[in-house]
Amino acid sequence: MTTKESREPIEEQIFAPGFFIEGVAEILLQLKEDLYQVQKNLDASSEESRNEILRNRELFGTGIRPLWYTMPEIELTIKMEYVEREEKTIVNNIEKYVKRTRLVPIYGDTD
């Protein structure tokens, strides 16, 4: 901060946990919903196969069983951009420089 006597601004670095990594929560929530839907579709397909086997005596007699799929592990890579912005504010004749730093996801194909 500066006063009329001193014109040397003091810099503040802001790292607000809720804002530092912007948009990641939304990405993870969407990923969770998408994975849930994929697993639900896989399960529905396996149940359909099981029901078809149970309805068909010939298939049932051969000992065929439906395949049940699971996703035991998911690897996720999120490309992030480091953004630093400096703002100057004057309140009650006090000059203040604030640096705001964020990580922002990069959407789309960047390669």
C-alpha atoms as a PDB file:
ATOM      1  CA  MET A   1       0.000   0.000   0.000  1.00  0.00           C
ATOM      2  CA  THR A   2       1.123   3.537  -0.493  1.00  0.00           C
ATOM      3  CA  THR A   3       0.321   6.739   1.260  1.00  0.00           C
ATOM      4  CA  LYS A   4       0.860  10.314   0.110  1.00  0.00           C
ATOM      5  CA  GLU A   5       4.297  10.276   1.735  1.00  0.00           C
ATOM      6  CA  SER A   6       5.430   7.026   0.121  1.00  0.00           C
ATOM      7  CA  ARG A   7       4.746   6.179  -3.505  1.00  0.00           C
ATOM      8  CA  GLU A   8       6.151   2.644  -3.335  1.00  0.00           C
ATOM      9  CA  PRO A   9       3.210   0.265  -3.810  1.00  0.00           C
ATOM     10  CA  ILE A  10       3.090  -2.962  -1.870  1.00  0.00           C
ATOM     11  CA  GLU A  11       2.184  -5.982  -3.960  1.00  0.00           C
ATOM     12  CA  GLU A  12      -0.195  -8.590  -2.682  1.00  0.00           C
ATOM     13  CA  GLN A  13      -0.318 -12.059  -4.139  1.00  0.00           C
ATOM     14  CA  ILE A  14      -3.778 -13.599  -4.033  1.00  0.00           C
ATOM     15  CA  PHE A  15      -4.170 -17.367  -4.078  1.00  0.00           C
ATOM     16  CA  ALA A  16      -7.843 -17.957  -3.331  1.00  0.00           C
ATOM     17  CA  PRO A  17      -8.292 -21.756  -3.213  1.00  0.00           C
ATOM     18  CA  GLY A  18     -11.731 -21.587  -4.799  1.00  0.00           C
ATOM     19  CA  PHE A  19     -10.496 -19.494  -7.699  1.00  0.00           C
ATOM     20  CA  PHE A  20      -6.882 -20.552  -8.209  1.00  0.00           C
ATOM     21  CA  ILE A  21      -7.800 -23.584 -10.283  1.00  0.00           C
ATOM     22  CA  GLU A  22     -10.715 -22.331 -12.303  1.00  0.00           C
ATOM     23  CA  GLY A  23     -13.117 -24.732 -13.982  1.00  0.00           C
ATOM     24  CA  VAL A  24     -11.569 -28.000 -12.780  1.00  0.00           C
ATOM     25  CA  ALA A  25     -14.512 -28.882 -10.527  1.00  0.00           C
ATOM     26  CA  GLU A  26     -16.881 -28.593 -13.483  1.00  0.00           C
ATOM     27  CA  ILE A  27     -14.634 -30.808 -15.615  1.00  0.00           C
ATOM     28  CA  LEU A  28     -14.478 -33.483 -12.917  1.00  0.00           C
ATOM     29  CA  LEU A  29     -18.240 -33.399 -12.313  1.00  0.00           C
ATOM     30  CA  GLN A  30     -18.913 -33.788 -16.038  1.00  0.00           C
ATOM     31  CA  LEU A  31     -16.377 -36.610 -16.236  1.00  0.00           C
ATOM     32  CA  LYS A  32     -18.095 -38.356 -13.325  1.00  0.00           C
ATOM     33  CA  GLU A  33     -21.470 -38.104 -15.076  1.00  0.00           C
ATOM     34  CA  ASP A  34     -20.023 -39.333 -18.387  1.00  0.00           C
ATOM     35  CA  LEU A  35     -18.296 -42.310 -16.741  1.00  0.00           C
ATOM     36  CA  TYR A  36     -21.475 -43.186 -14.870  1.00  0.00           C
ATOM     37  CA  GLN A  37     -23.406 -43.191 -18.155  1.00  0.00           C
ATOM     38  CA  VAL A  38     -20.777 -45.341 -19.905  1.00  0.00           C
ATOM     39  CA  GLN A  39     -20.804 -47.911 -17.073  1.00  0.00           C
ATOM     40  CA  LYS A  40     -24.619 -47.883 -17.036  1.00  0.00           C
ATOM     41  CA  ASN A  41     -24.685 -48.580 -20.805  1.00  0.00           C
ATOM     42  CA  LEU A  42     -22.152 -51.415 -20.425  1.00  0.00           C
ATOM     43  CA  ASP A  43     -24.237 -52.959 -17.632  1.00  0.00           C
ATOM     44  CA  ALA A  44     -27.428 -52.657 -19.699  1.00  0.00           C
ATOM     45  CA  SER A  45     -25.757 -54.431 -22.608  1.00  0.00           C
ATOM     46  CA  SER A  46     -24.568 -57.261 -20.349  1.00  0.00           C
ATOM     47  CA  GLU A  47     -28.025 -57.622 -18.824  1.00  0.00           C
ATOM     48  CA  GLU A  48     -29.555 -57.770 -22.294  1.00  0.00           C
ATOM     49  CA  SER A  49     -27.074 -60.520 -23.260  1.00  0.00           C
ATOM     50  CA  ARG A  50     -27.858 -62.419 -20.058  1.00  0.00           C
ATOM     51  CA  ASN A  51     -31.593 -62.209 -20.691  1.00  0.00           C
ATOM     52  CA  GLU A  52     -31.161 -63.419 -24.275  1.00  0.00           C
ATOM     53  CA  ILE A  53     -29.116 -66.400 -23.049  1.00  0.00           C
ATOM     54  CA  LEU A  54     -31.772 -67.237 -20.449  1.00  0.00           C
ATOM     55  CA  ARG A  55     -34.564 -67.063 -23.084  1.00  0.00           C
ATOM     56  CA  ASN A  56     -32.713 -69.323 -25.543  1.00  0.00           C
ATOM     57  CA  ARG A  57     -32.444 -72.945 -24.337  1.00  0.00           C
ATOM     58  CA  GLU A  58     -29.739 -73.763 -26.866  1.00  0.00           C
ATOM     59  CA  LEU A  59     -27.503 -70.872 -25.740  1.00  0.00           C
ATOM     60  CA  PHE A  60     -28.243 -71.580 -22.077  1.00  0.00           C
ATOM     61  CA  GLY A  61     -27.309 -75.239 -22.537  1.00  0.00           C
ATOM     62  CA  THR A  62     -23.865 -74.380 -23.898  1.00  0.00           C
ATOM     63  CA  GLY A  63     -22.859 -72.612 -20.681  1.00  0.00           C
ATOM     64  CA  ILE A  64     -22.340 -69.248 -22.358  1.00  0.00           C
ATOM     65  CA  ARG A  65     -22.238 -66.374 -19.894  1.00  0.00           C
ATOM     66  CA  PRO A  66     -22.460 -62.649 -20.621  1.00  0.00           C
ATOM     67  CA  LEU A  67     -19.367 -60.481 -20.171  1.00  0.00           C
ATOM     68  CA  TRP A  68     -19.515 -57.840 -17.437  1.00  0.00           C
ATOM     69  CA  TYR A  69     -17.229 -54.893 -18.041  1.00  0.00           C
ATOM     70  CA  THR A  70     -15.795 -52.515 -15.480  1.00  0.00           C
ATOM     71  CA  MET A  71     -13.419 -49.595 -15.690  1.00  0.00           C
ATOM     72  CA  PRO A  72     -10.927 -50.261 -12.892  1.00  0.00           C
ATOM     73  CA  GLU A  73      -8.749 -47.254 -13.593  1.00  0.00           C
ATOM     74  CA  ILE A  74      -9.106 -43.983 -15.452  1.00  0.00           C
ATOM     75  CA  GLU A  75      -6.161 -41.791 -16.418  1.00  0.00           C
ATOM     76  CA  LEU A  76      -6.951 -38.136 -16.923  1.00  0.00           C
ATOM     77  CA  THR A  77      -4.764 -35.394 -18.348  1.00  0.00           C
ATOM     78  CA  ILE A  78      -5.937 -31.811 -18.073  1.00  0.00           C
ATOM     79  CA  LYS A  79      -3.963 -29.120 -19.851  1.00  0.00           C
ATOM     80  CA  MET A  80      -3.897 -25.932 -17.813  1.00  0.00           C
ATOM     81  CA  GLU A  81      -2.850 -22.395 -18.582  1.00  0.00           C
ATOM     82  CA  TYR A  82      -1.167 -20.294 -15.885  1.00  0.00           C
ATOM     83  CA  VAL A  83      -2.684 -16.808 -15.867  1.00  0.00           C
ATOM     84  CA  GLU A  84      -1.300 -13.958 -13.804  1.00  0.00           C
ATOM     85  CA  ARG A  85      -2.970 -10.570 -13.782  1.00  0.00           C
ATOM     86  CA  GLU A  86      -1.991  -7.428 -11.918  1.00  0.00           C
ATOM     87  CA  GLU A  87      -4.594  -4.907 -10.850  1.00  0.00           C
ATOM     88  CA  LYS A  88      -4.054  -1.422  -9.474  1.00  0.00           C
ATOM     89  CA  THR A  89      -6.630  -0.022  -7.092  1.00  0.00           C
ATOM     90  CA  ILE A  90      -6.783   3.221  -5.135  1.00  0.00           C
ATOM     91  CA  VAL A  91      -8.903   3.319  -1.999  1.00  0.00           C
ATOM     92  CA  ASN A  92      -8.760   6.276   0.407  1.00  0.00           C
ATOM     93  CA  ASN A  93      -5.694   7.631  -1.408  1.00  0.00           C
ATOM     94  CA  ILE A  94      -3.903   4.328  -0.889  1.00  0.00           C
ATOM     95  CA  GLU A  95      -2.483   2.699  -3.977  1.00  0.00           C
ATOM     96  CA  LYS A  96      -2.482  -1.068  -4.028  1.00  0.00           C
ATOM     97  CA  TYR A  97      -1.263  -3.547  -6.643  1.00  0.00           C
ATOM     98  CA  VAL A  98      -2.799  -6.971  -6.485  1.00  0.00           C
ATOM     99  CA  LYS A  99      -1.538  -9.957  -8.463  1.00  0.00           C
ATOM    100  CA  ARG A 100      -4.188 -12.547  -9.168  1.00  0.00           C
ATOM    101  CA  THR A 101      -3.003 -15.963 -10.225  1.00  0.00           C
ATOM    102  CA  ARG A 102      -5.158 -18.708 -11.691  1.00  0.00           C
ATOM    103  CA  LEU A 103      -4.855 -22.008 -13.475  1.00  0.00           C
ATOM    104  CA  VAL A 104      -7.430 -22.287 -16.232  1.00  0.00           C
ATOM    105  CA  PRO A 105      -8.208 -25.500 -18.184  1.00  0.00           C
ATOM    106  CA  ILE A 106      -7.467 -25.384 -21.895  1.00  0.00           C
ATOM    107  CA  TYR A 107     -10.386 -26.844 -23.837  1.00  0.00           C
ATOM    108  CA  GLY A 108     -10.185 -28.497 -27.211  1.00  0.00           C
ATOM    109  CA  ASP A 109      -7.297 -30.031 -29.104  1.00  0.00           C
ATOM    110  CA  THR A 110      -4.164 -27.963 -28.511  1.00  0.00           C
ATOM    111  CA  ASP A 111      -1.675 -30.287 -30.207  1.00  0.00           C
END
